[in-house]
Amino acid sequence: MIKFLSQLLDFIYKKRCYFCSSSKENSLMCSSCYDEQEFLQEKVLKYIDNVPVYSAMIYKDNIQKLIRGLKYHNQKELAVFQAKLMYDYWQKLEVSKNDFVIVPVPLFVSREKKRKYNQMMLVAQEFSKLTGYKVNNELVKRVKNTKPQYKLSKKERKENLHNAFEYNPHHYNGEKLLIIDDILTTGSTMEEIIKTFQNAKVNDLTIFVTSCTEFNLN
């Protein structure tokens, strides 16, 4: 009976693609929009303090809409598609053969309460299902309520993020860490997280972001 009612509700309130509004597949991201996504070359995008950074895509068009929808518009189901796109790229990399623990970039507690979720934790959980990697969201905490980064210059971003994170050694057992985030802009957030780990002598780090700005391709 419950299954029947669920199917009936799905029929009545058929999902539309968040990107093209098609209701043919009853999905928040239809296969056509999914297949249109273009991936970057399967190689290291750049190094930040000797830590390799990988990015699956460029932050534009539907990827920008996906990230913003999940992050700001309560479209939590988009985490599934964001994780799958990341996985499609990740599994082509040689580094993916290693075993990692996933560390999603944390939000400050008040911001997470206001949003009611950390979008990267949702993505991490879905990415974990695909890779088999465990998730550790206790290893690093955001202890400073930073301003939104997009309004700040590179210098202001660094000042804004100074001492923003705190490492918890009781939750680390020597694993390789895969730090994930949705977008790499100037790299200031990653610089600060990397510094937090390296100051604690934790150096087995890899960064993987869903997307990056075109600035990072230069």
N, C-alpha and C. Protein backbone atom coordinates (compact mmCIF):
# COMPACT_ATOMS: atom_id res chain seq x y z
N MET A 1 0.82 -1.21 0.00
CA MET A 1 0.00 0.00 0.00
C MET A 1 0.86 1.27 0.00
N ILE A 2 1.90 1.26 0.85
CA ILE A 2 2.80 2.41 0.92
C ILE A 2 3.51 2.62 -0.41
N LYS A 3 3.95 1.50 -1.02
CA LYS A 3 4.62 1.59 -2.32
C LYS A 3 3.68 2.15 -3.37
N PHE A 4 2.42 1.70 -3.34
CA PHE A 4 1.42 2.18 -4.30
C PHE A 4 1.20 3.69 -4.15
N LEU A 5 1.07 4.14 -2.90
CA LEU A 5 0.85 5.56 -2.65
C LEU A 5 2.06 6.38 -3.09
N SER A 6 3.25 5.83 -2.87
CA SER A 6 4.47 6.52 -3.29
C SER A 6 4.51 6.66 -4.80
N GLN A 7 4.14 5.59 -5.50
CA GLN A 7 4.13 5.62 -6.97
C GLN A 7 3.07 6.58 -7.48
N LEU A 8 1.93 6.62 -6.78
CA LEU A 8 0.85 7.53 -7.16
C LEU A 8 1.29 8.98 -7.00
N LEU A 9 1.96 9.28 -5.89
CA LEU A 9 2.46 10.64 -5.66
C LEU A 9 3.51 11.03 -6.70
N ASP A 10 4.36 10.04 -7.06
CA ASP A 10 5.37 10.30 -8.09
C ASP A 10 4.71 10.63 -9.42
N PHE A 11 3.58 9.96 -9.68
CA PHE A 11 2.87 10.20 -10.94
C PHE A 11 2.22 11.59 -10.93
N ILE A 12 1.62 11.93 -9.80
CA ILE A 12 0.92 13.23 -9.70
C ILE A 12 1.91 14.38 -9.68
N TYR A 13 2.96 14.21 -8.84
CA TYR A 13 3.96 15.27 -8.70
C TYR A 13 5.26 14.86 -9.40
N LYS A 14 5.15 14.66 -10.68
CA LYS A 14 6.30 14.19 -11.44
C LYS A 14 7.43 15.21 -11.40
N LYS A 15 8.63 14.72 -11.13
CA LYS A 15 9.78 15.61 -11.05
C LYS A 15 10.14 16.14 -12.44
N ARG A 16 10.53 17.40 -12.46
CA ARG A 16 11.04 18.00 -13.69
C ARG A 16 12.54 18.19 -13.57
N CYS A 17 13.21 18.06 -14.68
CA CYS A 17 14.65 18.31 -14.70
C CYS A 17 14.90 19.74 -14.26
N TYR A 18 15.79 19.91 -13.32
CA TYR A 18 16.12 21.24 -12.77
C TYR A 18 16.77 22.14 -13.82
N PHE A 19 17.24 21.54 -14.89
CA PHE A 19 18.02 22.27 -15.89
C PHE A 19 17.26 22.55 -17.18
N CYS A 20 16.46 21.60 -17.65
CA CYS A 20 15.73 21.80 -18.91
C CYS A 20 14.22 21.72 -18.74
N SER A 21 13.76 21.40 -17.52
CA SER A 21 12.33 21.32 -17.16
C SER A 21 11.59 20.13 -17.77
N SER A 22 12.32 19.20 -18.38
CA SER A 22 11.67 18.00 -18.92
C SER A 22 11.17 17.11 -17.78
N SER A 23 9.98 16.54 -17.96
CA SER A 23 9.44 15.62 -16.95
C SER A 23 9.42 14.18 -17.47
N LYS A 24 10.04 13.93 -18.60
CA LYS A 24 9.99 12.60 -19.22
C LYS A 24 10.60 11.52 -18.34
N GLU A 25 11.65 11.85 -17.59
CA GLU A 25 12.36 10.83 -16.81
C GLU A 25 12.07 10.89 -15.32
N ASN A 26 11.21 11.83 -14.90
CA ASN A 26 10.88 11.98 -13.48
C ASN A 26 12.15 12.08 -12.64
N SER A 27 13.07 12.94 -13.11
CA SER A 27 14.37 13.07 -12.46
C SER A 27 14.76 14.53 -12.36
N LEU A 28 15.48 14.87 -11.30
CA LEU A 28 15.92 16.25 -11.10
C LEU A 28 17.04 16.63 -12.07
N MET A 29 17.68 15.62 -12.67
CA MET A 29 18.65 15.87 -13.73
C MET A 29 18.48 14.77 -14.77
N CYS A 30 17.92 15.13 -15.92
CA CYS A 30 17.64 14.13 -16.94
C CYS A 30 18.94 13.64 -17.58
N SER A 31 18.87 12.51 -18.26
CA SER A 31 20.07 11.92 -18.84
C SER A 31 20.68 12.81 -19.92
N SER A 32 19.85 13.56 -20.63
CA SER A 32 20.38 14.45 -21.67
C SER A 32 21.23 15.56 -21.06
N CYS A 33 20.72 16.18 -20.00
CA CYS A 33 21.48 17.25 -19.34
C CYS A 33 22.73 16.69 -18.66
N TYR A 34 22.61 15.49 -18.11
CA TYR A 34 23.76 14.86 -17.47
C TYR A 34 24.86 14.59 -18.50
N ASP A 35 24.47 14.03 -19.65
CA ASP A 35 25.44 13.64 -20.67
C ASP A 35 26.08 14.84 -21.38
N GLU A 36 25.48 16.01 -21.24
CA GLU A 36 26.03 17.22 -21.86
C GLU A 36 27.25 17.76 -21.11
N GLN A 37 27.47 17.31 -19.88
CA GLN A 37 28.53 17.88 -19.07
C GLN A 37 29.90 17.51 -19.63
N GLU A 38 30.78 18.49 -19.67
CA GLU A 38 32.13 18.30 -20.21
C GLU A 38 33.14 18.26 -19.07
N PHE A 39 34.00 17.26 -19.14
CA PHE A 39 35.01 17.08 -18.10
C PHE A 39 36.35 17.67 -18.53
N LEU A 40 37.13 18.05 -17.54
CA LEU A 40 38.50 18.50 -17.79
C LEU A 40 39.39 17.28 -18.07
N GLN A 41 40.61 17.54 -18.52
CA GLN A 41 41.56 16.46 -18.73
C GLN A 41 41.85 15.74 -17.42
N GLU A 42 42.11 14.43 -17.54
CA GLU A 42 42.36 13.62 -16.34
C GLU A 42 43.80 13.80 -15.89
N LYS A 43 44.05 14.92 -15.22
CA LYS A 43 45.39 15.21 -14.73
C LYS A 43 45.29 16.19 -13.57
N VAL A 44 46.39 16.39 -12.88
CA VAL A 44 46.43 17.37 -11.79
C VAL A 44 46.17 18.76 -12.36
N LEU A 45 45.23 19.46 -11.76
CA LEU A 45 44.93 20.83 -12.19
C LEU A 45 46.05 21.77 -11.78
N LYS A 46 46.47 21.65 -10.52
CA LYS A 46 47.53 22.50 -9.97
C LYS A 46 47.97 21.91 -8.64
N TYR A 47 48.97 22.51 -8.05
CA TYR A 47 49.42 22.13 -6.71
C TYR A 47 49.25 23.33 -5.79
N ILE A 48 48.75 23.08 -4.61
CA ILE A 48 48.68 24.11 -3.57
C ILE A 48 49.51 23.62 -2.40
N ASP A 49 50.59 24.31 -2.14
CA ASP A 49 51.53 23.90 -1.07
C ASP A 49 51.92 22.43 -1.21
N ASN A 50 52.25 22.05 -2.44
CA ASN A 50 52.70 20.69 -2.80
C ASN A 50 51.61 19.63 -2.71
N VAL A 51 50.38 20.04 -2.55
CA VAL A 51 49.25 19.10 -2.52
C VAL A 51 48.56 19.11 -3.89
N PRO A 52 48.38 17.94 -4.53
CA PRO A 52 47.73 17.91 -5.84
C PRO A 52 46.24 18.25 -5.75
N VAL A 53 45.79 19.03 -6.72
CA VAL A 53 44.39 19.43 -6.80
C VAL A 53 43.81 18.94 -8.12
N TYR A 54 42.68 18.24 -8.03
CA TYR A 54 41.97 17.78 -9.23
C TYR A 54 40.61 18.47 -9.30
N SER A 55 40.21 18.81 -10.51
CA SER A 55 38.88 19.39 -10.72
C SER A 55 38.22 18.66 -11.87
N ALA A 56 36.96 18.26 -11.66
CA ALA A 56 36.25 17.50 -12.68
C ALA A 56 35.79 18.38 -13.84
N MET A 57 35.34 19.61 -13.55
CA MET A 57 34.72 20.45 -14.57
C MET A 57 35.01 21.92 -14.34
N ILE A 58 34.54 22.75 -15.27
CA ILE A 58 34.63 24.20 -15.13
C ILE A 58 33.32 24.69 -14.51
N TYR A 59 33.44 25.68 -13.66
CA TYR A 59 32.27 26.25 -12.99
C TYR A 59 31.55 27.20 -13.95
N LYS A 60 30.61 26.64 -14.70
CA LYS A 60 29.81 27.44 -15.63
C LYS A 60 28.56 26.66 -16.02
N ASP A 61 27.62 27.36 -16.64
CA ASP A 61 26.40 26.76 -17.20
C ASP A 61 25.69 25.86 -16.18
N ASN A 62 25.38 24.63 -16.59
CA ASN A 62 24.57 23.77 -15.72
C ASN A 62 25.30 23.29 -14.47
N ILE A 63 26.63 23.22 -14.52
CA ILE A 63 27.37 22.85 -13.31
C ILE A 63 27.26 23.95 -12.28
N GLN A 64 27.33 25.19 -12.74
CA GLN A 64 27.13 26.32 -11.84
C GLN A 64 25.72 26.27 -11.25
N LYS A 65 24.74 25.98 -12.08
CA LYS A 65 23.36 25.92 -11.61
C LYS A 65 23.16 24.78 -10.62
N LEU A 66 23.79 23.64 -10.89
CA LEU A 66 23.70 22.48 -9.98
C LEU A 66 24.27 22.84 -8.61
N ILE A 67 25.48 23.39 -8.60
CA ILE A 67 26.15 23.71 -7.34
C ILE A 67 25.36 24.75 -6.55
N ARG A 68 24.88 25.76 -7.23
CA ARG A 68 24.10 26.81 -6.55
C ARG A 68 22.74 26.27 -6.07
N GLY A 69 22.15 25.38 -6.86
CA GLY A 69 20.87 24.80 -6.47
C GLY A 69 20.98 23.99 -5.19
N LEU A 70 22.05 23.19 -5.09
CA LEU A 70 22.28 22.38 -3.90
C LEU A 70 22.69 23.26 -2.72
N LYS A 71 23.51 24.25 -2.99
CA LYS A 71 24.11 25.05 -1.93
C LYS A 71 23.15 26.07 -1.34
N TYR A 72 22.35 26.71 -2.20
CA TYR A 72 21.55 27.84 -1.75
C TYR A 72 20.04 27.67 -1.87
N HIS A 73 19.59 26.70 -2.64
CA HIS A 73 18.16 26.60 -2.94
C HIS A 73 17.51 25.29 -2.48
N ASN A 74 18.17 24.64 -1.52
CA ASN A 74 17.57 23.48 -0.85
C ASN A 74 17.29 22.30 -1.79
N GLN A 75 17.99 22.25 -2.92
CA GLN A 75 17.80 21.14 -3.86
C GLN A 75 18.76 20.00 -3.48
N LYS A 76 18.47 19.38 -2.34
CA LYS A 76 19.39 18.40 -1.77
C LYS A 76 19.57 17.15 -2.63
N GLU A 77 18.57 16.83 -3.44
CA GLU A 77 18.68 15.65 -4.32
C GLU A 77 19.78 15.82 -5.36
N LEU A 78 20.17 17.06 -5.62
CA LEU A 78 21.22 17.28 -6.60
C LEU A 78 22.57 16.75 -6.13
N ALA A 79 22.71 16.48 -4.84
CA ALA A 79 23.96 15.91 -4.31
C ALA A 79 24.29 14.58 -4.98
N VAL A 80 23.27 13.82 -5.31
CA VAL A 80 23.46 12.53 -5.99
C VAL A 80 24.15 12.73 -7.33
N PHE A 81 23.68 13.71 -8.09
CA PHE A 81 24.22 13.95 -9.43
C PHE A 81 25.60 14.60 -9.36
N GLN A 82 25.79 15.47 -8.38
CA GLN A 82 27.11 16.09 -8.21
C GLN A 82 28.15 15.03 -7.88
N ALA A 83 27.81 14.12 -6.99
CA ALA A 83 28.73 13.04 -6.61
C ALA A 83 29.00 12.10 -7.78
N LYS A 84 27.97 11.80 -8.55
CA LYS A 84 28.14 10.88 -9.68
C LYS A 84 29.02 11.51 -10.76
N LEU A 85 28.84 12.80 -11.02
CA LEU A 85 29.70 13.48 -11.98
C LEU A 85 31.16 13.47 -11.50
N MET A 86 31.35 13.71 -10.22
CA MET A 86 32.70 13.66 -9.67
C MET A 86 33.29 12.26 -9.82
N TYR A 87 32.47 11.25 -9.56
CA TYR A 87 32.93 9.87 -9.66
C TYR A 87 33.28 9.49 -11.10
N ASP A 88 32.47 9.94 -12.04
CA ASP A 88 32.74 9.64 -13.46
C ASP A 88 34.13 10.12 -13.86
N TYR A 89 34.51 11.26 -13.32
CA TYR A 89 35.85 11.81 -13.60
C TYR A 89 36.91 11.09 -12.76
N TRP A 90 36.63 10.94 -11.48
CA TRP A 90 37.60 10.40 -10.52
C TRP A 90 38.08 9.00 -10.90
N GLN A 91 37.18 8.15 -11.34
CA GLN A 91 37.57 6.76 -11.60
C GLN A 91 38.51 6.62 -12.81
N LYS A 92 38.66 7.68 -13.59
CA LYS A 92 39.59 7.66 -14.73
C LYS A 92 41.01 8.04 -14.32
N LEU A 93 41.17 8.50 -13.09
CA LEU A 93 42.48 8.94 -12.60
C LEU A 93 43.25 7.79 -11.97
N GLU A 94 44.55 7.78 -12.16
CA GLU A 94 45.42 6.77 -11.57
C GLU A 94 45.33 6.81 -10.04
N VAL A 95 45.21 8.02 -9.49
CA VAL A 95 45.18 8.20 -8.04
C VAL A 95 43.96 7.53 -7.41
N SER A 96 42.92 7.30 -8.19
CA SER A 96 41.68 6.71 -7.65
C SER A 96 41.87 5.26 -7.19
N LYS A 97 42.99 4.65 -7.58
CA LYS A 97 43.27 3.27 -7.17
C LYS A 97 43.66 3.18 -5.70
N ASN A 98 44.03 4.32 -5.12
CA ASN A 98 44.36 4.36 -3.69
C ASN A 98 43.10 4.35 -2.85
N ASP A 99 43.26 4.00 -1.59
CA ASP A 99 42.15 4.05 -0.65
C ASP A 99 42.24 5.37 0.12
N PHE A 100 41.13 6.07 0.20
CA PHE A 100 41.10 7.38 0.86
C PHE A 100 40.02 7.43 1.93
N VAL A 101 40.15 8.41 2.79
CA VAL A 101 39.06 8.85 3.66
C VAL A 101 38.64 10.22 3.16
N ILE A 102 37.34 10.39 2.93
CA ILE A 102 36.81 11.63 2.39
C ILE A 102 36.61 12.65 3.51
N VAL A 103 37.12 13.85 3.29
CA VAL A 103 36.94 14.95 4.24
C VAL A 103 36.22 16.09 3.53
N PRO A 104 34.92 16.25 3.75
CA PRO A 104 34.22 17.38 3.13
C PRO A 104 34.58 18.68 3.83
N VAL A 105 34.73 19.75 3.05
CA VAL A 105 35.03 21.05 3.65
C VAL A 105 33.90 21.43 4.60
N PRO A 106 34.21 21.74 5.86
CA PRO A 106 33.15 22.01 6.85
C PRO A 106 32.59 23.43 6.76
N LEU A 107 31.37 23.56 7.24
CA LEU A 107 30.75 24.88 7.42
C LEU A 107 30.84 25.27 8.89
N PHE A 108 30.80 26.57 9.15
CA PHE A 108 30.70 27.02 10.54
C PHE A 108 29.34 26.61 11.08
N VAL A 109 29.28 26.27 12.35
CA VAL A 109 28.09 25.66 12.95
C VAL A 109 26.82 26.50 12.74
N SER A 110 26.91 27.82 12.88
CA SER A 110 25.72 28.66 12.73
C SER A 110 25.24 28.70 11.28
N ARG A 111 26.19 28.66 10.35
CA ARG A 111 25.80 28.66 8.93
C ARG A 111 25.15 27.34 8.54
N GLU A 112 25.67 26.25 9.09
CA GLU A 112 25.07 24.94 8.80
C GLU A 112 23.68 24.85 9.41
N LYS A 113 23.50 25.41 10.60
CA LYS A 113 22.17 25.41 11.22
C LYS A 113 21.17 26.21 10.40
N LYS A 114 21.63 27.34 9.87
CA LYS A 114 20.76 28.19 9.07
C LYS A 114 20.38 27.49 7.76
N ARG A 115 21.37 26.85 7.13
CA ARG A 115 21.13 26.14 5.87
C ARG A 115 20.45 24.80 6.12
N LYS A 116 20.64 24.26 7.32
CA LYS A 116 20.09 22.98 7.77
C LYS A 116 20.83 21.77 7.21
N TYR A 117 21.90 22.00 6.50
CA TYR A 117 22.75 20.91 6.00
C TYR A 117 24.04 21.50 5.47
N ASN A 118 25.06 20.66 5.41
CA ASN A 118 26.31 21.01 4.72
C ASN A 118 26.27 20.31 3.37
N GLN A 119 26.18 21.07 2.30
CA GLN A 119 26.00 20.48 0.98
C GLN A 119 27.14 19.53 0.62
N MET A 120 28.36 19.82 1.08
CA MET A 120 29.47 18.93 0.75
C MET A 120 29.45 17.65 1.56
N MET A 121 28.82 17.67 2.72
CA MET A 121 28.64 16.43 3.46
C MET A 121 27.67 15.52 2.71
N LEU A 122 26.63 16.10 2.13
CA LEU A 122 25.69 15.30 1.33
C LEU A 122 26.39 14.69 0.12
N VAL A 123 27.22 15.49 -0.54
CA VAL A 123 27.97 15.00 -1.70
C VAL A 123 28.96 13.92 -1.26
N ALA A 124 29.62 14.14 -0.12
CA ALA A 124 30.58 13.16 0.40
C ALA A 124 29.91 11.81 0.66
N GLN A 125 28.72 11.84 1.23
CA GLN A 125 28.01 10.60 1.52
C GLN A 125 27.66 9.84 0.24
N GLU A 126 27.27 10.58 -0.80
CA GLU A 126 26.94 9.94 -2.08
C GLU A 126 28.21 9.45 -2.78
N PHE A 127 29.27 10.23 -2.69
CA PHE A 127 30.54 9.83 -3.29
C PHE A 127 31.10 8.60 -2.59
N SER A 128 30.89 8.51 -1.31
CA SER A 128 31.31 7.35 -0.52
C SER A 128 30.63 6.07 -1.01
N LYS A 129 29.35 6.17 -1.33
CA LYS A 129 28.61 5.00 -1.83
C LYS A 129 29.20 4.49 -3.14
N LEU A 130 29.69 5.41 -3.95
CA LEU A 130 30.23 5.05 -5.27
C LEU A 130 31.66 4.52 -5.19
N THR A 131 32.45 5.08 -4.29
CA THR A 131 33.88 4.73 -4.21
C THR A 131 34.19 3.67 -3.16
N GLY A 132 33.34 3.59 -2.13
CA GLY A 132 33.65 2.72 -1.01
C GLY A 132 34.53 3.38 0.03
N TYR A 133 34.93 4.64 -0.20
CA TYR A 133 35.73 5.37 0.78
C TYR A 133 34.87 5.77 1.97
N LYS A 134 35.45 5.77 3.14
CA LYS A 134 34.75 6.26 4.32
C LYS A 134 34.76 7.79 4.35
N VAL A 135 33.81 8.35 5.08
CA VAL A 135 33.72 9.81 5.26
C VAL A 135 34.10 10.15 6.70
N ASN A 136 34.89 11.19 6.87
CA ASN A 136 35.25 11.67 8.20
C ASN A 136 34.98 13.17 8.27
N ASN A 137 33.89 13.53 8.92
CA ASN A 137 33.57 14.96 9.06
C ASN A 137 33.89 15.48 10.46
N GLU A 138 34.69 14.71 11.21
CA GLU A 138 35.10 15.12 12.56
C GLU A 138 36.56 15.55 12.60
N LEU A 139 37.26 15.32 11.51
CA LEU A 139 38.71 15.54 11.51
C LEU A 139 39.10 17.00 11.50
N VAL A 140 38.31 17.81 10.82
CA VAL A 140 38.59 19.24 10.77
C VAL A 140 37.28 20.00 10.92
N LYS A 141 37.31 21.04 11.75
CA LYS A 141 36.12 21.86 11.99
C LYS A 141 36.40 23.31 11.61
N ARG A 142 35.35 23.99 11.17
CA ARG A 142 35.48 25.43 10.91
C ARG A 142 35.13 26.13 12.22
N VAL A 143 36.08 26.82 12.80
CA VAL A 143 35.89 27.43 14.12
C VAL A 143 35.76 28.95 14.04
N LYS A 144 35.78 29.47 12.85
CA LYS A 144 35.66 30.92 12.66
C LYS A 144 34.52 31.19 11.69
N ASN A 145 33.64 32.08 12.08
CA ASN A 145 32.49 32.41 11.23
C ASN A 145 32.93 33.42 10.16
N THR A 146 33.45 32.90 9.07
CA THR A 146 34.01 33.75 8.03
C THR A 146 32.92 34.41 7.19
N LYS A 147 33.29 35.50 6.55
CA LYS A 147 32.38 36.19 5.63
C LYS A 147 32.29 35.37 4.34
N PRO A 148 31.20 35.55 3.56
CA PRO A 148 31.13 34.90 2.24
C PRO A 148 32.33 35.32 1.39
N GLN A 149 32.97 34.34 0.77
CA GLN A 149 34.22 34.59 0.06
C GLN A 149 34.06 35.32 -1.27
N TYR A 150 32.91 35.13 -1.92
CA TYR A 150 32.77 35.62 -3.30
C TYR A 150 32.86 37.14 -3.42
N LYS A 151 32.65 37.87 -2.31
CA LYS A 151 32.71 39.33 -2.35
C LYS A 151 34.11 39.88 -2.06
N LEU A 152 35.04 39.00 -1.74
CA LEU A 152 36.34 39.45 -1.26
C LEU A 152 37.45 39.29 -2.29
N SER A 153 38.47 40.13 -2.17
CA SER A 153 39.67 40.00 -3.00
C SER A 153 40.49 38.82 -2.47
N LYS A 154 41.50 38.42 -3.24
CA LYS A 154 42.35 37.30 -2.81
C LYS A 154 43.00 37.59 -1.46
N LYS A 155 43.50 38.81 -1.27
CA LYS A 155 44.12 39.18 0.00
C LYS A 155 43.10 39.13 1.13
N GLU A 156 41.89 39.66 0.88
CA GLU A 156 40.83 39.66 1.90
C GLU A 156 40.39 38.23 2.23
N ARG A 157 40.39 37.36 1.22
CA ARG A 157 40.00 35.96 1.45
C ARG A 157 40.98 35.29 2.40
N LYS A 158 42.27 35.54 2.20
CA LYS A 158 43.28 34.95 3.07
C LYS A 158 43.12 35.43 4.51
N GLU A 159 42.90 36.73 4.66
CA GLU A 159 42.70 37.30 6.00
C GLU A 159 41.43 36.75 6.64
N ASN A 160 40.38 36.63 5.82
CA ASN A 160 39.10 36.13 6.29
C ASN A 160 39.20 34.69 6.81
N LEU A 161 40.04 33.89 6.14
CA LEU A 161 40.16 32.47 6.47
C LEU A 161 41.27 32.14 7.46
N HIS A 162 42.03 33.15 7.85
CA HIS A 162 43.15 32.90 8.76
C HIS A 162 42.66 32.24 10.06
N ASN A 163 43.24 31.08 10.36
CA ASN A 163 42.88 30.30 11.56
C ASN A 163 41.39 29.93 11.60
N ALA A 164 40.81 29.70 10.43
CA ALA A 164 39.38 29.38 10.37
C ALA A 164 39.09 27.92 10.69
N PHE A 165 40.12 27.05 10.61
CA PHE A 165 39.90 25.61 10.78
C PHE A 165 40.71 25.07 11.96
N GLU A 166 40.18 24.02 12.52
CA GLU A 166 40.85 23.37 13.65
C GLU A 166 40.89 21.86 13.41
N TYR A 167 42.07 21.29 13.58
CA TYR A 167 42.30 19.86 13.36
C TYR A 167 42.08 19.09 14.66
N ASN A 168 41.43 17.92 14.55
CA ASN A 168 41.19 17.08 15.71
C ASN A 168 41.98 15.78 15.57
N PRO A 169 43.12 15.65 16.26
CA PRO A 169 44.00 14.48 16.09
C PRO A 169 43.37 13.17 16.54
N HIS A 170 42.34 13.22 17.39
CA HIS A 170 41.72 12.00 17.91
C HIS A 170 40.92 11.25 16.84
N HIS A 171 40.72 11.90 15.69
CA HIS A 171 39.93 11.27 14.62
C HIS A 171 40.78 10.91 13.41
N TYR A 172 42.11 10.86 13.60
CA TYR A 172 42.99 10.53 12.48
C TYR A 172 43.84 9.31 12.80
N ASN A 173 43.86 8.37 11.84
CA ASN A 173 44.63 7.13 12.04
C ASN A 173 45.61 6.87 10.89
N GLY A 174 46.13 7.94 10.31
CA GLY A 174 47.18 7.79 9.30
C GLY A 174 46.69 7.53 7.88
N GLU A 175 45.39 7.68 7.62
CA GLU A 175 44.85 7.41 6.29
C GLU A 175 45.23 8.50 5.27
N LYS A 176 45.13 8.15 4.00
CA LYS A 176 45.22 9.15 2.95
C LYS A 176 43.92 9.94 2.96
N LEU A 177 44.01 11.25 2.91
CA LEU A 177 42.82 12.09 3.01
C LEU A 177 42.48 12.72 1.66
N LEU A 178 41.22 12.63 1.29
CA LEU A 178 40.71 13.25 0.08
C LEU A 178 39.76 14.38 0.51
N ILE A 179 40.24 15.61 0.40
CA ILE A 179 39.45 16.77 0.80
C ILE A 179 38.61 17.21 -0.39
N ILE A 180 37.31 17.27 -0.22
CA ILE A 180 36.45 17.62 -1.36
C ILE A 180 35.67 18.92 -1.11
N ASP A 181 35.45 19.63 -2.20
CA ASP A 181 34.67 20.87 -2.15
C ASP A 181 33.97 21.03 -3.50
N ASP A 182 33.08 22.01 -3.58
CA ASP A 182 32.31 22.17 -4.82
C ASP A 182 32.99 23.04 -5.86
N ILE A 183 33.73 24.06 -5.42
CA ILE A 183 34.35 24.96 -6.37
C ILE A 183 35.68 25.50 -5.86
N LEU A 184 36.64 25.57 -6.75
CA LEU A 184 37.94 26.18 -6.45
C LEU A 184 37.99 27.51 -7.20
N THR A 185 38.11 28.59 -6.44
CA THR A 185 38.23 29.91 -7.07
C THR A 185 39.68 30.38 -6.92
N THR A 186 39.99 31.12 -5.88
CA THR A 186 41.39 31.54 -5.67
C THR A 186 42.21 30.47 -4.95
N GLY A 187 41.55 29.49 -4.34
CA GLY A 187 42.26 28.45 -3.60
C GLY A 187 42.53 28.80 -2.15
N SER A 188 42.00 29.93 -1.69
CA SER A 188 42.29 30.39 -0.32
C SER A 188 41.77 29.42 0.75
N THR A 189 40.57 28.88 0.53
CA THR A 189 40.01 27.92 1.50
C THR A 189 40.89 26.69 1.60
N MET A 190 41.29 26.16 0.45
CA MET A 190 42.13 24.97 0.45
C MET A 190 43.51 25.26 1.05
N GLU A 191 44.05 26.42 0.78
CA GLU A 191 45.34 26.80 1.37
C GLU A 191 45.28 26.74 2.89
N GLU A 192 44.18 27.25 3.44
CA GLU A 192 44.05 27.30 4.90
C GLU A 192 43.83 25.91 5.49
N ILE A 193 43.04 25.08 4.81
CA ILE A 193 42.83 23.71 5.29
C ILE A 193 44.13 22.91 5.22
N ILE A 194 44.83 23.05 4.10
CA ILE A 194 46.11 22.36 3.94
C ILE A 194 47.08 22.79 5.05
N LYS A 195 47.16 24.08 5.30
CA LYS A 195 48.05 24.60 6.35
C LYS A 195 47.68 24.01 7.71
N THR A 196 46.38 23.91 7.97
CA THR A 196 45.90 23.34 9.24
C THR A 196 46.39 21.91 9.40
N PHE A 197 46.30 21.11 8.34
CA PHE A 197 46.76 19.73 8.40
C PHE A 197 48.28 19.64 8.47
N GLN A 198 48.95 20.40 7.62
CA GLN A 198 50.41 20.31 7.58
C GLN A 198 51.06 20.78 8.88
N ASN A 199 50.45 21.75 9.54
CA ASN A 199 50.95 22.19 10.84
C ASN A 199 50.86 21.08 11.88
N ALA A 200 49.93 20.14 11.63
CA ALA A 200 49.76 19.00 12.54
C ALA A 200 50.52 17.77 12.03
N LYS A 201 51.38 17.98 11.02
CA LYS A 201 52.20 16.91 10.43
C LYS A 201 51.36 15.86 9.70
N VAL A 202 50.22 16.28 9.21
CA VAL A 202 49.39 15.41 8.36
C VAL A 202 49.60 15.87 6.93
N ASN A 203 50.29 15.04 6.15
CA ASN A 203 50.72 15.49 4.82
C ASN A 203 50.20 14.64 3.67
N ASP A 204 49.53 13.53 3.97
CA ASP A 204 49.05 12.66 2.88
C ASP A 204 47.69 13.16 2.41
N LEU A 205 47.72 14.25 1.64
CA LEU A 205 46.51 14.97 1.26
C LEU A 205 46.34 15.02 -0.25
N THR A 206 45.09 14.94 -0.68
CA THR A 206 44.71 15.17 -2.08
C THR A 206 43.45 16.00 -2.07
N ILE A 207 43.38 16.97 -2.98
CA ILE A 207 42.20 17.83 -3.09
C ILE A 207 41.42 17.44 -4.34
N PHE A 208 40.10 17.35 -4.21
CA PHE A 208 39.25 17.07 -5.37
C PHE A 208 38.02 17.96 -5.29
N VAL A 209 37.85 18.79 -6.31
CA VAL A 209 36.69 19.69 -6.36
C VAL A 209 35.81 19.34 -7.56
N THR A 210 34.54 19.62 -7.42
CA THR A 210 33.61 19.38 -8.52
C THR A 210 33.97 20.26 -9.71
N SER A 211 34.30 21.52 -9.41
CA SER A 211 34.56 22.47 -10.50
C SER A 211 35.58 23.52 -10.07
N CYS A 212 36.08 24.22 -11.05
CA CYS A 212 36.99 25.34 -10.79
C CYS A 212 36.67 26.47 -11.75
N THR A 213 37.05 27.65 -11.39
CA THR A 213 36.88 28.79 -12.30
C THR A 213 37.94 28.70 -13.40
N GLU A 214 37.64 29.31 -14.52
CA GLU A 214 38.56 29.25 -15.66
C GLU A 214 39.91 29.87 -15.34
N PHE A 215 39.93 30.76 -14.36
CA PHE A 215 41.18 31.37 -13.89
C PHE A 215 42.21 30.31 -13.52
N ASN A 216 41.76 29.19 -12.99
CA ASN A 216 42.66 28.13 -12.53
C ASN A 216 43.27 27.32 -13.66
N LEU A 217 42.81 27.51 -14.88
CA LEU A 217 43.37 26.76 -16.01
C LEU A 217 44.64 27.40 -16.54
N ASN A 218 44.91 28.63 -16.13
CA ASN A 218 46.08 29.35 -16.64
C ASN A 218 47.36 28.94 -15.89
